[in-house]
């Protein structure tokens, strides 16, 4: 069973968020949350909050054990761009693009019976 959590309109560029997502993709959910807690990037806090939301969805809505969950998919898509301007010398202005992103975390349950059969 797949459990999903989405956070939209994050004020960080998708490129910076993908650097954090690549670090935790495929990890156990609890291990990933502990790792994200120690990472210094701004995006790590946003990914950790979305991951905790997905874990809470799994536990409360579907009665799944959080210890058996892993991150099957995690991706950051582009959100809307907001044009901005900073005024420069001689009456000119410098255009700036403020990027936003949408983050999606999908958790799946590990099948313990398959792991035991392969390990034997």
PDB file of N, CA and C in Angstrom:
ATOM      1  N   UNK A   1       0.834  -1.172   0.000  1.00  0.00           N
ATOM      2  CA  UNK A   1       0.000   0.000   0.000  1.00  0.00           C
ATOM      3  C   UNK A   1       0.884   1.242   0.000  1.00  0.00           C
ATOM      4  N   UNK A   2       0.538   2.210  -0.821  1.00  0.00           N
ATOM      5  CA  UNK A   2       1.293   3.447  -0.916  1.00  0.00           C
ATOM      6  C   UNK A   2       0.584   4.554  -0.158  1.00  0.00           C
ATOM      7  N   UNK A   3       1.354   5.322   0.596  1.00  0.00           N
ATOM      8  CA  UNK A   3       0.843   6.465   1.349  1.00  0.00           C
ATOM      9  C   UNK A   3       1.560   7.696   0.840  1.00  0.00           C
ATOM     10  N   UNK A   4       0.821   8.760   0.602  1.00  0.00           N
ATOM     11  CA  UNK A   4       1.370   9.944  -0.053  1.00  0.00           C
ATOM     12  C   UNK A   4       1.144  11.183   0.812  1.00  0.00           C
ATOM     13  N   UNK A   5       2.116  12.088   0.773  1.00  0.00           N
ATOM     14  CA  UNK A   5       1.975  13.412   1.386  1.00  0.00           C
ATOM     15  C   UNK A   5       2.592  14.425   0.429  1.00  0.00           C
ATOM     16  N   UNK A   6       1.917  15.551   0.255  1.00  0.00           N
ATOM     17  CA  UNK A   6       2.368  16.580  -0.678  1.00  0.00           C
ATOM     18  C   UNK A   6       2.391  17.925   0.033  1.00  0.00           C
ATOM     19  N   UNK A   7       3.446  18.668  -0.202  1.00  0.00           N
ATOM     20  CA  UNK A   7       3.544  20.039   0.281  1.00  0.00           C
ATOM     21  C   UNK A   7       3.730  20.929  -0.932  1.00  0.00           C
ATOM     22  N   UNK A   8       2.882  21.933  -1.056  1.00  0.00           N
ATOM     23  CA  UNK A   8       2.919  22.786  -2.239  1.00  0.00           C
ATOM     24  C   UNK A   8       3.396  24.187  -1.887  1.00  0.00           C
ATOM     25  N   UNK A   9       3.884  24.871  -2.898  1.00  0.00           N
ATOM     26  CA  UNK A   9       4.293  26.269  -2.830  1.00  0.00           C
ATOM     27  C   UNK A   9       5.385  26.514  -1.789  1.00  0.00           C
ATOM     28  N   UNK A  10       6.390  25.656  -1.782  1.00  0.00           N
ATOM     29  CA  UNK A  10       7.548  25.861  -0.907  1.00  0.00           C
ATOM     30  C   UNK A  10       8.436  26.940  -1.516  1.00  0.00           C
ATOM     31  N   UNK A  11       8.943  27.820  -0.695  1.00  0.00           N
ATOM     32  CA  UNK A  11       9.742  28.932  -1.214  1.00  0.00           C
ATOM     33  C   UNK A  11      11.217  28.546  -1.293  1.00  0.00           C
ATOM     34  N   UNK A  12      11.492  27.546  -2.110  1.00  0.00           N
ATOM     35  CA  UNK A  12      12.846  27.088  -2.381  1.00  0.00           C
ATOM     36  C   UNK A  12      12.837  26.544  -3.807  1.00  0.00           C
ATOM     37  N   UNK A  13      13.943  26.654  -4.495  1.00  0.00           N
ATOM     38  CA  UNK A  13      13.965  26.180  -5.876  1.00  0.00           C
ATOM     39  C   UNK A  13      13.958  24.643  -5.891  1.00  0.00           C
ATOM     40  N   UNK A  14      13.358  24.055  -6.913  1.00  0.00           N
ATOM     41  CA  UNK A  14      13.311  22.592  -6.984  1.00  0.00           C
ATOM     42  C   UNK A  14      14.696  21.962  -7.080  1.00  0.00           C
ATOM     43  N   UNK A  15      15.637  22.671  -7.685  1.00  0.00           N
ATOM     44  CA  UNK A  15      16.990  22.135  -7.818  1.00  0.00           C
ATOM     45  C   UNK A  15      17.633  21.923  -6.442  1.00  0.00           C
ATOM     46  N   UNK A  16      17.465  22.876  -5.545  1.00  0.00           N
ATOM     47  CA  UNK A  16      18.026  22.745  -4.195  1.00  0.00           C
ATOM     48  C   UNK A  16      17.307  21.669  -3.400  1.00  0.00           C
ATOM     49  N   UNK A  17      16.003  21.526  -3.628  1.00  0.00           N
ATOM     50  CA  UNK A  17      15.225  20.519  -2.913  1.00  0.00           C
ATOM     51  C   UNK A  17      15.571  19.118  -3.395  1.00  0.00           C
ATOM     52  N   UNK A  18      15.876  18.974  -4.685  1.00  0.00           N
ATOM     53  CA  UNK A  18      16.222  17.650  -5.234  1.00  0.00           C
ATOM     54  C   UNK A  18      17.542  17.132  -4.668  1.00  0.00           C
ATOM     55  N   UNK A  19      18.458  18.027  -4.312  1.00  0.00           N
ATOM     56  CA  UNK A  19      19.716  17.589  -3.706  1.00  0.00           C
ATOM     57  C   UNK A  19      19.467  16.868  -2.388  1.00  0.00           C
ATOM     58  N   UNK A  20      18.499  17.338  -1.621  1.00  0.00           N
ATOM     59  CA  UNK A  20      18.146  16.696  -0.357  1.00  0.00           C
ATOM     60  C   UNK A  20      17.362  15.412  -0.617  1.00  0.00           C
ATOM     61  N   UNK A  21      16.455  15.445  -1.586  1.00  0.00           N
ATOM     62  CA  UNK A  21      15.631  14.269  -1.898  1.00  0.00           C
ATOM     63  C   UNK A  21      16.487  13.085  -2.343  1.00  0.00           C
ATOM     64  N   UNK A  22      17.547  13.365  -3.085  1.00  0.00           N
ATOM     65  CA  UNK A  22      18.411  12.289  -3.568  1.00  0.00           C
ATOM     66  C   UNK A  22      19.136  11.580  -2.425  1.00  0.00           C
ATOM     67  N   UNK A  23      19.339  12.271  -1.319  1.00  0.00           N
ATOM     68  CA  UNK A  23      20.051  11.678  -0.187  1.00  0.00           C
ATOM     69  C   UNK A  23      19.210  10.635   0.553  1.00  0.00           C
ATOM     70  N   UNK A  24      17.888  10.813   0.563  1.00  0.00           N
ATOM     71  CA  UNK A  24      17.040   9.945   1.378  1.00  0.00           C
ATOM     72  C   UNK A  24      16.196   8.967   0.559  1.00  0.00           C
ATOM     73  N   UNK A  25      16.267   9.028  -0.749  1.00  0.00           N
ATOM     74  CA  UNK A  25      15.439   8.150  -1.593  1.00  0.00           C
ATOM     75  C   UNK A  25      15.782   6.686  -1.334  1.00  0.00           C
ATOM     76  N   UNK A  26      14.765   5.868  -1.054  1.00  0.00           N
ATOM     77  CA  UNK A  26      14.949   4.434  -0.829  1.00  0.00           C
ATOM     78  C   UNK A  26      15.258   4.054   0.611  1.00  0.00           C
ATOM     79  N   UNK A  27      15.427   5.013   1.489  1.00  0.00           N
ATOM     80  CA  UNK A  27      15.766   4.718   2.887  1.00  0.00           C
ATOM     81  C   UNK A  27      14.512   4.374   3.685  1.00  0.00           C
ATOM     82  N   UNK A  28      14.727   3.760   4.863  1.00  0.00           N
ATOM     83  CA  UNK A  28      13.634   3.578   5.811  1.00  0.00           C
ATOM     84  C   UNK A  28      13.160   4.944   6.274  1.00  0.00           C
ATOM     85  N   UNK A  29      11.883   5.060   6.565  1.00  0.00           N
ATOM     86  CA  UNK A  29      11.299   6.363   6.886  1.00  0.00           C
ATOM     87  C   UNK A  29      11.873   6.941   8.176  1.00  0.00           C
ATOM     88  N   UNK A  30      12.015   6.118   9.200  1.00  0.00           N
ATOM     89  CA  UNK A  30      12.524   6.624  10.473  1.00  0.00           C
ATOM     90  C   UNK A  30      13.998   6.981  10.383  1.00  0.00           C
ATOM     91  N   UNK A  31      14.780   6.209   9.648  1.00  0.00           N
ATOM     92  CA  UNK A  31      16.190   6.515   9.452  1.00  0.00           C
ATOM     93  C   UNK A  31      16.349   7.806   8.659  1.00  0.00           C
ATOM     94  N   UNK A  32      15.512   7.988   7.643  1.00  0.00           N
ATOM     95  CA  UNK A  32      15.572   9.200   6.831  1.00  0.00           C
ATOM     96  C   UNK A  32      15.207  10.429   7.650  1.00  0.00           C
ATOM     97  N   UNK A  33      14.215  10.310   8.532  1.00  0.00           N
ATOM     98  CA  UNK A  33      13.826  11.440   9.380  1.00  0.00           C
ATOM     99  C   UNK A  33      14.958  11.827  10.325  1.00  0.00           C
ATOM    100  N   UNK A  34      15.672  10.834  10.855  1.00  0.00           N
ATOM    101  CA  UNK A  34      16.806  11.123  11.735  1.00  0.00           C
ATOM    102  C   UNK A  34      17.945  11.780  10.965  1.00  0.00           C
ATOM    103  N   UNK A  35      18.191  11.327   9.743  1.00  0.00           N
ATOM    104  CA  UNK A  35      19.239  11.925   8.915  1.00  0.00           C
ATOM    105  C   UNK A  35      18.884  13.363   8.531  1.00  0.00           C
ATOM    106  N   UNK A  36      17.639  13.593   8.155  1.00  0.00           N
ATOM    107  CA  UNK A  36      17.206  14.931   7.768  1.00  0.00           C
ATOM    108  C   UNK A  36      17.275  15.913   8.935  1.00  0.00           C
ATOM    109  N   UNK A  37      17.134  15.403  10.146  1.00  0.00           N
ATOM    110  CA  UNK A  37      17.207  16.246  11.332  1.00  0.00           C
ATOM    111  C   UNK A  37      18.602  16.833  11.530  1.00  0.00           C
ATOM    112  N   UNK A  38      19.623  16.163  11.013  1.00  0.00           N
ATOM    113  CA  UNK A  38      21.005  16.619  11.209  1.00  0.00           C
ATOM    114  C   UNK A  38      21.574  17.349  10.002  1.00  0.00           C
ATOM    115  N   UNK A  39      20.865  17.361   8.883  1.00  0.00           N
ATOM    116  CA  UNK A  39      21.384  18.011   7.676  1.00  0.00           C
ATOM    117  C   UNK A  39      21.248  19.530   7.783  1.00  0.00           C
ATOM    118  N   UNK A  40      22.249  20.282   7.301  1.00  0.00           N
ATOM    119  CA  UNK A  40      22.213  21.744   7.458  1.00  0.00           C
ATOM    120  C   UNK A  40      21.412  22.485   6.394  1.00  0.00           C
ATOM    121  N   UNK A  41      20.993  21.826   5.332  1.00  0.00           N
ATOM    122  CA  UNK A  41      20.306  22.508   4.234  1.00  0.00           C
ATOM    123  C   UNK A  41      18.915  22.992   4.663  1.00  0.00           C
ATOM    124  N   UNK A  42      18.483  24.072   4.036  1.00  0.00           N
ATOM    125  CA  UNK A  42      17.148  24.613   4.297  1.00  0.00           C
ATOM    126  C   UNK A  42      16.069  23.629   3.835  1.00  0.00           C
ATOM    127  N   UNK A  43      16.326  22.934   2.727  1.00  0.00           N
ATOM    128  CA  UNK A  43      15.357  21.992   2.188  1.00  0.00           C
ATOM    129  C   UNK A  43      15.168  20.753   3.040  1.00  0.00           C
ATOM    130  N   UNK A  44      16.151  20.428   3.884  1.00  0.00           N
ATOM    131  CA  UNK A  44      16.048  19.244   4.732  1.00  0.00           C
ATOM    132  C   UNK A  44      14.895  19.373   5.716  1.00  0.00           C
ATOM    133  N   UNK A  45      14.681  20.571   6.242  1.00  0.00           N
ATOM    134  CA  UNK A  45      13.568  20.806   7.165  1.00  0.00           C
ATOM    135  C   UNK A  45      12.231  20.597   6.455  1.00  0.00           C
ATOM    136  N   UNK A  46      12.133  21.064   5.223  1.00  0.00           N
ATOM    137  CA  UNK A  46      10.887  20.932   4.465  1.00  0.00           C
ATOM    138  C   UNK A  46      10.608  19.478   4.109  1.00  0.00           C
ATOM    139  N   UNK A  47      11.647  18.746   3.723  1.00  0.00           N
ATOM    140  CA  UNK A  47      11.489  17.327   3.390  1.00  0.00           C
ATOM    141  C   UNK A  47      11.133  16.540   4.646  1.00  0.00           C
ATOM    142  N   UNK A  48      11.753  16.886   5.787  1.00  0.00           N
ATOM    143  CA  UNK A  48      11.478  16.173   7.038  1.00  0.00           C
ATOM    144  C   UNK A  48      10.022  16.361   7.461  1.00  0.00           C
ATOM    145  N   UNK A  49       9.498  17.572   7.336  1.00  0.00           N
ATOM    146  CA  UNK A  49       8.110  17.821   7.717  1.00  0.00           C
ATOM    147  C   UNK A  49       7.142  17.055   6.823  1.00  0.00           C
ATOM    148  N   UNK A  50       7.421  17.007   5.535  1.00  0.00           N
ATOM    149  CA  UNK A  50       6.553  16.269   4.614  1.00  0.00           C
ATOM    150  C   UNK A  50       6.647  14.769   4.870  1.00  0.00           C
ATOM    151  N   UNK A  51       7.839  14.287   5.174  1.00  0.00           N
ATOM    152  CA  UNK A  51       8.029  12.869   5.500  1.00  0.00           C
ATOM    153  C   UNK A  51       7.271  12.495   6.772  1.00  0.00           C
ATOM    154  N   UNK A  52       7.348  13.352   7.793  1.00  0.00           N
ATOM    155  CA  UNK A  52       6.625  13.078   9.041  1.00  0.00           C
ATOM    156  C   UNK A  52       5.111  13.088   8.804  1.00  0.00           C
ATOM    157  N   UNK A  53       4.655  13.951   7.899  1.00  0.00           N
ATOM    158  CA  UNK A  53       3.237  13.986   7.563  1.00  0.00           C
ATOM    159  C   UNK A  53       2.805  12.695   6.883  1.00  0.00           C
ATOM    160  N   UNK A  54       3.644  12.185   5.977  1.00  0.00           N
ATOM    161  CA  UNK A  54       3.326  10.919   5.304  1.00  0.00           C
ATOM    162  C   UNK A  54       3.317   9.763   6.303  1.00  0.00           C
ATOM    163  N   UNK A  55       4.245   9.783   7.255  1.00  0.00           N
ATOM    164  CA  UNK A  55       4.277   8.732   8.272  1.00  0.00           C
ATOM    165  C   UNK A  55       3.031   8.795   9.153  1.00  0.00           C
ATOM    166  N   UNK A  56       2.591  10.007   9.497  1.00  0.00           N
ATOM    167  CA  UNK A  56       1.377  10.159  10.301  1.00  0.00           C
ATOM    168  C   UNK A  56       0.150   9.715   9.515  1.00  0.00           C
ATOM    169  N   UNK A  57       0.113  10.016   8.212  1.00  0.00           N
ATOM    170  CA  UNK A  57      -0.995   9.549   7.368  1.00  0.00           C
ATOM    171  C   UNK A  57      -1.062   8.023   7.366  1.00  0.00           C
ATOM    172  N   UNK A  58       0.096   7.386   7.257  1.00  0.00           N
ATOM    173  CA  UNK A  58       0.134   5.918   7.219  1.00  0.00           C
ATOM    174  C   UNK A  58      -0.346   5.318   8.534  1.00  0.00           C
ATOM    175  N   UNK A  59       0.068   5.933   9.632  1.00  0.00           N
ATOM    176  CA  UNK A  59      -0.270   5.374  10.940  1.00  0.00           C
ATOM    177  C   UNK A  59      -1.737   5.620  11.299  1.00  0.00           C
ATOM    178  N   UNK A  60      -2.230   6.829  11.045  1.00  0.00           N
ATOM    179  CA  UNK A  60      -3.584   7.183  11.487  1.00  0.00           C
ATOM    180  C   UNK A  60      -4.662   6.765  10.497  1.00  0.00           C
ATOM    181  N   UNK A  61      -4.411   6.907   9.216  1.00  0.00           N
ATOM    182  CA  UNK A  61      -5.459   6.629   8.225  1.00  0.00           C
ATOM    183  C   UNK A  61      -5.486   5.176   7.776  1.00  0.00           C
ATOM    184  N   UNK A  62      -4.301   4.539   7.701  1.00  0.00           N
ATOM    185  CA  UNK A  62      -4.235   3.178   7.163  1.00  0.00           C
ATOM    186  C   UNK A  62      -3.760   2.153   8.186  1.00  0.00           C
ATOM    187  N   UNK A  63      -3.473   2.581   9.410  1.00  0.00           N
ATOM    188  CA  UNK A  63      -3.042   1.710  10.505  1.00  0.00           C
ATOM    189  C   UNK A  63      -1.833   0.868  10.131  1.00  0.00           C
ATOM    190  N   UNK A  64      -0.844   1.489   9.507  1.00  0.00           N
ATOM    191  CA  UNK A  64       0.405   0.816   9.151  1.00  0.00           C
ATOM    192  C   UNK A  64       1.451   1.089  10.224  1.00  0.00           C
ATOM    193  N   UNK A  65       2.385   0.176  10.354  1.00  0.00           N
ATOM    194  CA  UNK A  65       3.462   0.326  11.325  1.00  0.00           C
ATOM    195  C   UNK A  65       4.544   1.228  10.734  1.00  0.00           C
ATOM    196  N   UNK A  66       4.887   2.338  11.392  1.00  0.00           N
ATOM    197  CA  UNK A  66       5.902   3.247  10.838  1.00  0.00           C
ATOM    198  C   UNK A  66       7.287   2.612  10.703  1.00  0.00           C
ATOM    199  N   UNK A  67       7.560   1.572  11.461  1.00  0.00           N
ATOM    200  CA  UNK A  67       8.865   0.920  11.401  1.00  0.00           C
ATOM    201  C   UNK A  67       9.047   0.128  10.110  1.00  0.00           C
ATOM    202  N   UNK A  68       7.961  -0.226   9.455  1.00  0.00           N
ATOM    203  CA  UNK A  68       8.037  -1.028   8.229  1.00  0.00           C
ATOM    204  C   UNK A  68       7.921  -0.196   6.955  1.00  0.00           C
ATOM    205  N   UNK A  69       7.925   1.128   7.073  1.00  0.00           N
ATOM    206  CA  UNK A  69       7.762   1.993   5.914  1.00  0.00           C
ATOM    207  C   UNK A  69       9.109   2.429   5.355  1.00  0.00           C
ATOM    208  N   UNK A  70       9.162   2.588   4.046  1.00  0.00           N
ATOM    209  CA  UNK A  70      10.346   3.130   3.395  1.00  0.00           C
ATOM    210  C   UNK A  70       9.912   4.115   2.318  1.00  0.00           C
ATOM    211  N   UNK A  71      10.828   4.965   1.907  1.00  0.00           N
ATOM    212  CA  UNK A  71      10.520   5.982   0.907  1.00  0.00           C
ATOM    213  C   UNK A  71      10.640   5.346  -0.472  1.00  0.00           C
ATOM    214  N   UNK A  72       9.500   5.073  -1.094  1.00  0.00           N
ATOM    215  CA  UNK A  72       9.531   4.453  -2.420  1.00  0.00           C
ATOM    216  C   UNK A  72       9.706   5.509  -3.510  1.00  0.00           C
ATOM    217  N   UNK A  73       9.110   6.683  -3.318  1.00  0.00           N
ATOM    218  CA  UNK A  73       9.266   7.771  -4.277  1.00  0.00           C
ATOM    219  C   UNK A  73       9.342   9.080  -3.507  1.00  0.00           C
ATOM    220  N   UNK A  74      10.197   9.961  -3.986  1.00  0.00           N
ATOM    221  CA  UNK A  74      10.263  11.315  -3.459  1.00  0.00           C
ATOM    222  C   UNK A  74      10.721  12.213  -4.598  1.00  0.00           C
ATOM    223  N   UNK A  75       9.967  13.259  -4.857  1.00  0.00           N
ATOM    224  CA  UNK A  75      10.341  14.142  -5.963  1.00  0.00           C
ATOM    225  C   UNK A  75       9.869  15.560  -5.689  1.00  0.00           C
ATOM    226  N   UNK A  76      10.583  16.494  -6.307  1.00  0.00           N
ATOM    227  CA  UNK A  76      10.275  17.921  -6.193  1.00  0.00           C
ATOM    228  C   UNK A  76       9.996  18.459  -7.586  1.00  0.00           C
ATOM    229  N   UNK A  77       8.799  18.949  -7.784  1.00  0.00           N
ATOM    230  CA  UNK A  77       8.405  19.525  -9.067  1.00  0.00           C
ATOM    231  C   UNK A  77       8.435  21.041  -8.981  1.00  0.00           C
ATOM    232  N   UNK A  78       8.433  21.662 -10.155  1.00  0.00           N
ATOM    233  CA  UNK A  78       8.441  23.108 -10.215  1.00  0.00           C
ATOM    234  C   UNK A  78       7.067  23.669  -9.890  1.00  0.00           C
ATOM    235  N   UNK A  79       7.050  24.720  -9.090  1.00  0.00           N
ATOM    236  CA  UNK A  79       5.826  25.454  -8.815  1.00  0.00           C
ATOM    237  C   UNK A  79       5.823  26.725  -9.654  1.00  0.00           C
ATOM    238  N   UNK A  80       4.932  27.640  -9.348  1.00  0.00           N
ATOM    239  CA  UNK A  80       4.899  28.885 -10.108  1.00  0.00           C
ATOM    240  C   UNK A  80       6.115  29.753  -9.818  1.00  0.00           C
ATOM    241  N   UNK A  81       6.522  30.507 -10.819  1.00  0.00           N
ATOM    242  CA  UNK A  81       7.641  31.436 -10.658  1.00  0.00           C
ATOM    243  C   UNK A  81       7.086  32.830 -10.424  1.00  0.00           C
ATOM    244  N   UNK A  82       7.770  33.575  -9.576  1.00  0.00           N
ATOM    245  CA  UNK A  82       7.324  34.924  -9.262  1.00  0.00           C
ATOM    246  C   UNK A  82       8.390  35.912  -9.706  1.00  0.00           C
ATOM    247  N   UNK A  83       8.082  36.759 -10.667  1.00  0.00           N
ATOM    248  CA  UNK A  83       9.083  37.742 -11.095  1.00  0.00           C
ATOM    249  C   UNK A  83       9.275  38.812 -10.022  1.00  0.00           C
ATOM    250  N   UNK A  84      10.492  39.222  -9.857  1.00  0.00           N
ATOM    251  CA  UNK A  84      10.865  40.196  -8.844  1.00  0.00           C
ATOM    252  C   UNK A  84      11.880  41.124  -9.467  1.00  0.00           C
ATOM    253  N   UNK A  85      12.030  42.294  -8.924  1.00  0.00           N
ATOM    254  CA  UNK A  85      13.039  43.188  -9.480  1.00  0.00           C
ATOM    255  C   UNK A  85      13.812  43.867  -8.359  1.00  0.00           C
ATOM    256  N   UNK A  86      15.068  44.091  -8.627  1.00  0.00           N
ATOM    257  CA  UNK A  86      15.932  44.816  -7.712  1.00  0.00           C
ATOM    258  C   UNK A  86      16.484  45.997  -8.493  1.00  0.00           C
ATOM    259  N   UNK A  87      16.363  47.153  -7.935  1.00  0.00           N
ATOM    260  CA  UNK A  87      16.778  48.357  -8.646  1.00  0.00           C
ATOM    261  C   UNK A  87      18.289  48.500  -8.602  1.00  0.00           C
ATOM    262  N   UNK A  88      18.853  48.890  -9.741  1.00  0.00           N
ATOM    263  CA  UNK A  88      20.290  49.058  -9.868  1.00  0.00           C
ATOM    264  C   UNK A  88      20.661  50.513 -10.106  1.00  0.00           C
ATOM    265  N   UNK A  89      21.881  50.707 -10.458  1.00  0.00           N
ATOM    266  CA  UNK A  89      22.385  52.059 -10.691  1.00  0.00           C
ATOM    267  C   UNK A  89      21.816  52.644 -11.977  1.00  0.00           C
ATOM    268  N   UNK A  90      21.787  53.947 -12.066  1.00  0.00           N
ATOM    269  CA  UNK A  90      21.369  54.712 -13.251  1.00  0.00           C
ATOM    270  C   UNK A  90      19.929  54.417 -13.672  1.00  0.00           C
ATOM    271  N   UNK A  91      19.090  54.153 -12.721  1.00  0.00           N
ATOM    272  CA  UNK A  91      17.680  53.962 -13.030  1.00  0.00           C
ATOM    273  C   UNK A  91      17.330  52.631 -13.658  1.00  0.00           C
ATOM    274  N   UNK A  92      18.247  51.686 -13.672  1.00  0.00           N
ATOM    275  CA  UNK A  92      17.975  50.366 -14.243  1.00  0.00           C
ATOM    276  C   UNK A  92      17.431  49.446 -13.156  1.00  0.00           C
ATOM    277  N   UNK A  93      16.886  48.323 -13.594  1.00  0.00           N
ATOM    278  CA  UNK A  93      16.527  47.313 -12.600  1.00  0.00           C
ATOM    279  C   UNK A  93      16.990  45.946 -13.071  1.00  0.00           C
ATOM    280  N   UNK A  94      17.283  45.119 -12.121  1.00  0.00           N
ATOM    281  CA  UNK A  94      17.801  43.772 -12.362  1.00  0.00           C
ATOM    282  C   UNK A  94      16.679  42.776 -12.100  1.00  0.00           C
ATOM    283  N   UNK A  95      16.203  42.052 -13.101  1.00  0.00           N
ATOM    284  CA  UNK A  95      15.124  41.092 -12.866  1.00  0.00           C
ATOM    285  C   UNK A  95      15.628  39.864 -12.103  1.00  0.00           C
ATOM    286  N   UNK A  96      14.807  39.414 -11.180  1.00  0.00           N
ATOM    287  CA  UNK A  96      15.094  38.215 -10.386  1.00  0.00           C
ATOM    288  C   UNK A  96      13.871  37.313 -10.482  1.00  0.00           C
ATOM    289  N   UNK A  97      14.080  36.012 -10.571  1.00  0.00           N
ATOM    290  CA  UNK A  97      12.985  35.049 -10.603  1.00  0.00           C
ATOM    291  C   UNK A  97      12.991  34.288  -9.283  1.00  0.00           C
ATOM    292  N   UNK A  98      11.912  34.417  -8.527  1.00  0.00           N
ATOM    293  CA  UNK A  98      11.768  33.674  -7.271  1.00  0.00           C
ATOM    294  C   UNK A  98      11.050  32.370  -7.591  1.00  0.00           C
ATOM    295  N   UNK A  99      11.731  31.264  -7.364  1.00  0.00           N
ATOM    296  CA  UNK A  99      11.173  29.960  -7.733  1.00  0.00           C
ATOM    297  C   UNK A  99      10.489  29.309  -6.531  1.00  0.00           C
ATOM    298  N   UNK A 100       9.447  28.565  -6.821  1.00  0.00           N
ATOM    299  CA  UNK A 100       8.751  27.777  -5.813  1.00  0.00           C
ATOM    300  C   UNK A 100       8.709  26.327  -6.264  1.00  0.00           C
ATOM    301  N   UNK A 101       8.436  25.422  -5.339  1.00  0.00           N
ATOM    302  CA  UNK A 101       8.417  24.006  -5.698  1.00  0.00           C
ATOM    303  C   UNK A 101       7.316  23.277  -4.946  1.00  0.00           C
ATOM    304  N   UNK A 102       6.943  22.117  -5.490  1.00  0.00           N
ATOM    305  CA  UNK A 102       5.982  21.208  -4.872  1.00  0.00           C
ATOM    306  C   UNK A 102       6.728  19.919  -4.539  1.00  0.00           C
ATOM    307  N   UNK A 103       6.599  19.459  -3.303  1.00  0.00           N
ATOM    308  CA  UNK A 103       7.304  18.261  -2.833  1.00  0.00           C
ATOM    309  C   UNK A 103       6.304  17.148  -2.579  1.00  0.00           C
ATOM    310  N   UNK A 104       6.600  15.954  -3.080  1.00  0.00           N
ATOM    311  CA  UNK A 104       5.749  14.788  -2.876  1.00  0.00           C
ATOM    312  C   UNK A 104       6.590  13.640  -2.321  1.00  0.00           C
ATOM    313  N   UNK A 105       6.091  13.021  -1.253  1.00  0.00           N
ATOM    314  CA  UNK A 105       6.746  11.867  -0.636  1.00  0.00           C
ATOM    315  C   UNK A 105       5.759  10.712  -0.666  1.00  0.00           C
ATOM    316  N   UNK A 106       6.190   9.569  -1.199  1.00  0.00           N
ATOM    317  CA  UNK A 106       5.356   8.365  -1.253  1.00  0.00           C
ATOM    318  C   UNK A 106       6.054   7.279  -0.444  1.00  0.00           C
ATOM    319  N   UNK A 107       5.359   6.776   0.564  1.00  0.00           N
ATOM    320  CA  UNK A 107       5.890   5.707   1.407  1.00  0.00           C
ATOM    321  C   UNK A 107       5.207   4.393   1.058  1.00  0.00           C
ATOM    322  N   UNK A 108       5.976   3.316   1.118  1.00  0.00           N
ATOM    323  CA  UNK A 108       5.430   1.979   0.898  1.00  0.00           C
ATOM    324  C   UNK A 108       5.828   1.098   2.071  1.00  0.00           C
ATOM    325  N   UNK A 109       5.093   0.029   2.219  1.00  0.00           N
ATOM    326  CA  UNK A 109       5.357  -0.892   3.308  1.00  0.00           C
ATOM    327  C   UNK A 109       6.261  -2.008   2.810  1.00  0.00           C
ATOM    328  N   UNK A 110       7.301  -2.297   3.564  1.00  0.00           N
ATOM    329  CA  UNK A 110       8.193  -3.398   3.200  1.00  0.00           C
ATOM    330  C   UNK A 110       7.490  -4.714   3.479  1.00  0.00           C
ATOM    331  N   UNK A 111       7.612  -5.646   2.545  1.00  0.00           N
ATOM    332  CA  UNK A 111       7.029  -6.966   2.730  1.00  0.00           C
ATOM    333  C   UNK A 111       8.053  -7.821   3.452  1.00  0.00           C
ATOM    334  N   UNK A 112       7.825  -8.077   4.721  1.00  0.00           N
ATOM    335  CA  UNK A 112       8.790  -8.780   5.568  1.00  0.00           C
ATOM    336  C   UNK A 112       8.954 -10.226   5.135  1.00  0.00           C
ATOM    337  N   UNK A 113       7.899 -10.856   4.623  1.00  0.00           N
ATOM    338  CA  UNK A 113       7.994 -12.261   4.230  1.00  0.00           C
ATOM    339  C   UNK A 113       8.930 -12.437   3.043  1.00  0.00           C
ATOM    340  N   UNK A 114       8.914 -11.479   2.110  1.00  0.00           N
ATOM    341  CA  UNK A 114       9.819 -11.574   0.955  1.00  0.00           C
ATOM    342  C   UNK A 114      11.277 -11.405   1.381  1.00  0.00           C
ATOM    343  N   UNK A 115      11.526 -10.527   2.327  1.00  0.00           N
ATOM    344  CA  UNK A 115      12.889 -10.312   2.791  1.00  0.00           C
ATOM    345  C   UNK A 115      13.424 -11.559   3.499  1.00  0.00           C
ATOM    346  N   UNK A 116      12.572 -12.217   4.296  1.00  0.00           N
ATOM    347  CA  UNK A 116      13.006 -13.417   5.008  1.00  0.00           C
ATOM    348  C   UNK A 116      13.277 -14.558   4.032  1.00  0.00           C
ATOM    349  N   UNK A 117      12.462 -14.682   2.971  1.00  0.00           N
ATOM    350  CA  UNK A 117      12.652 -15.761   2.009  1.00  0.00           C
ATOM    351  C   UNK A 117      13.944 -15.559   1.213  1.00  0.00           C
ATOM    352  N   UNK A 118      14.229 -14.324   0.826  1.00  0.00           N
ATOM    353  CA  UNK A 118      15.430 -14.043   0.051  1.00  0.00           C
ATOM    354  C   UNK A 118      16.664 -14.229   0.928  1.00  0.00           C
ATOM    355  N   UNK A 119      16.568 -13.832   2.203  1.00  0.00           N
ATOM    356  CA  UNK A 119      17.697 -13.950   3.117  1.00  0.00           C
ATOM    357  C   UNK A 119      18.027 -15.395   3.457  1.00  0.00           C
ATOM    358  N   UNK A 120      17.083 -16.314   3.347  1.00  0.00           N
ATOM    359  CA  UNK A 120      17.320 -17.712   3.720  1.00  0.00           C
ATOM    360  C   UNK A 120      18.047 -18.482   2.650  1.00  0.00           C
TER     361      UNK A 120
END
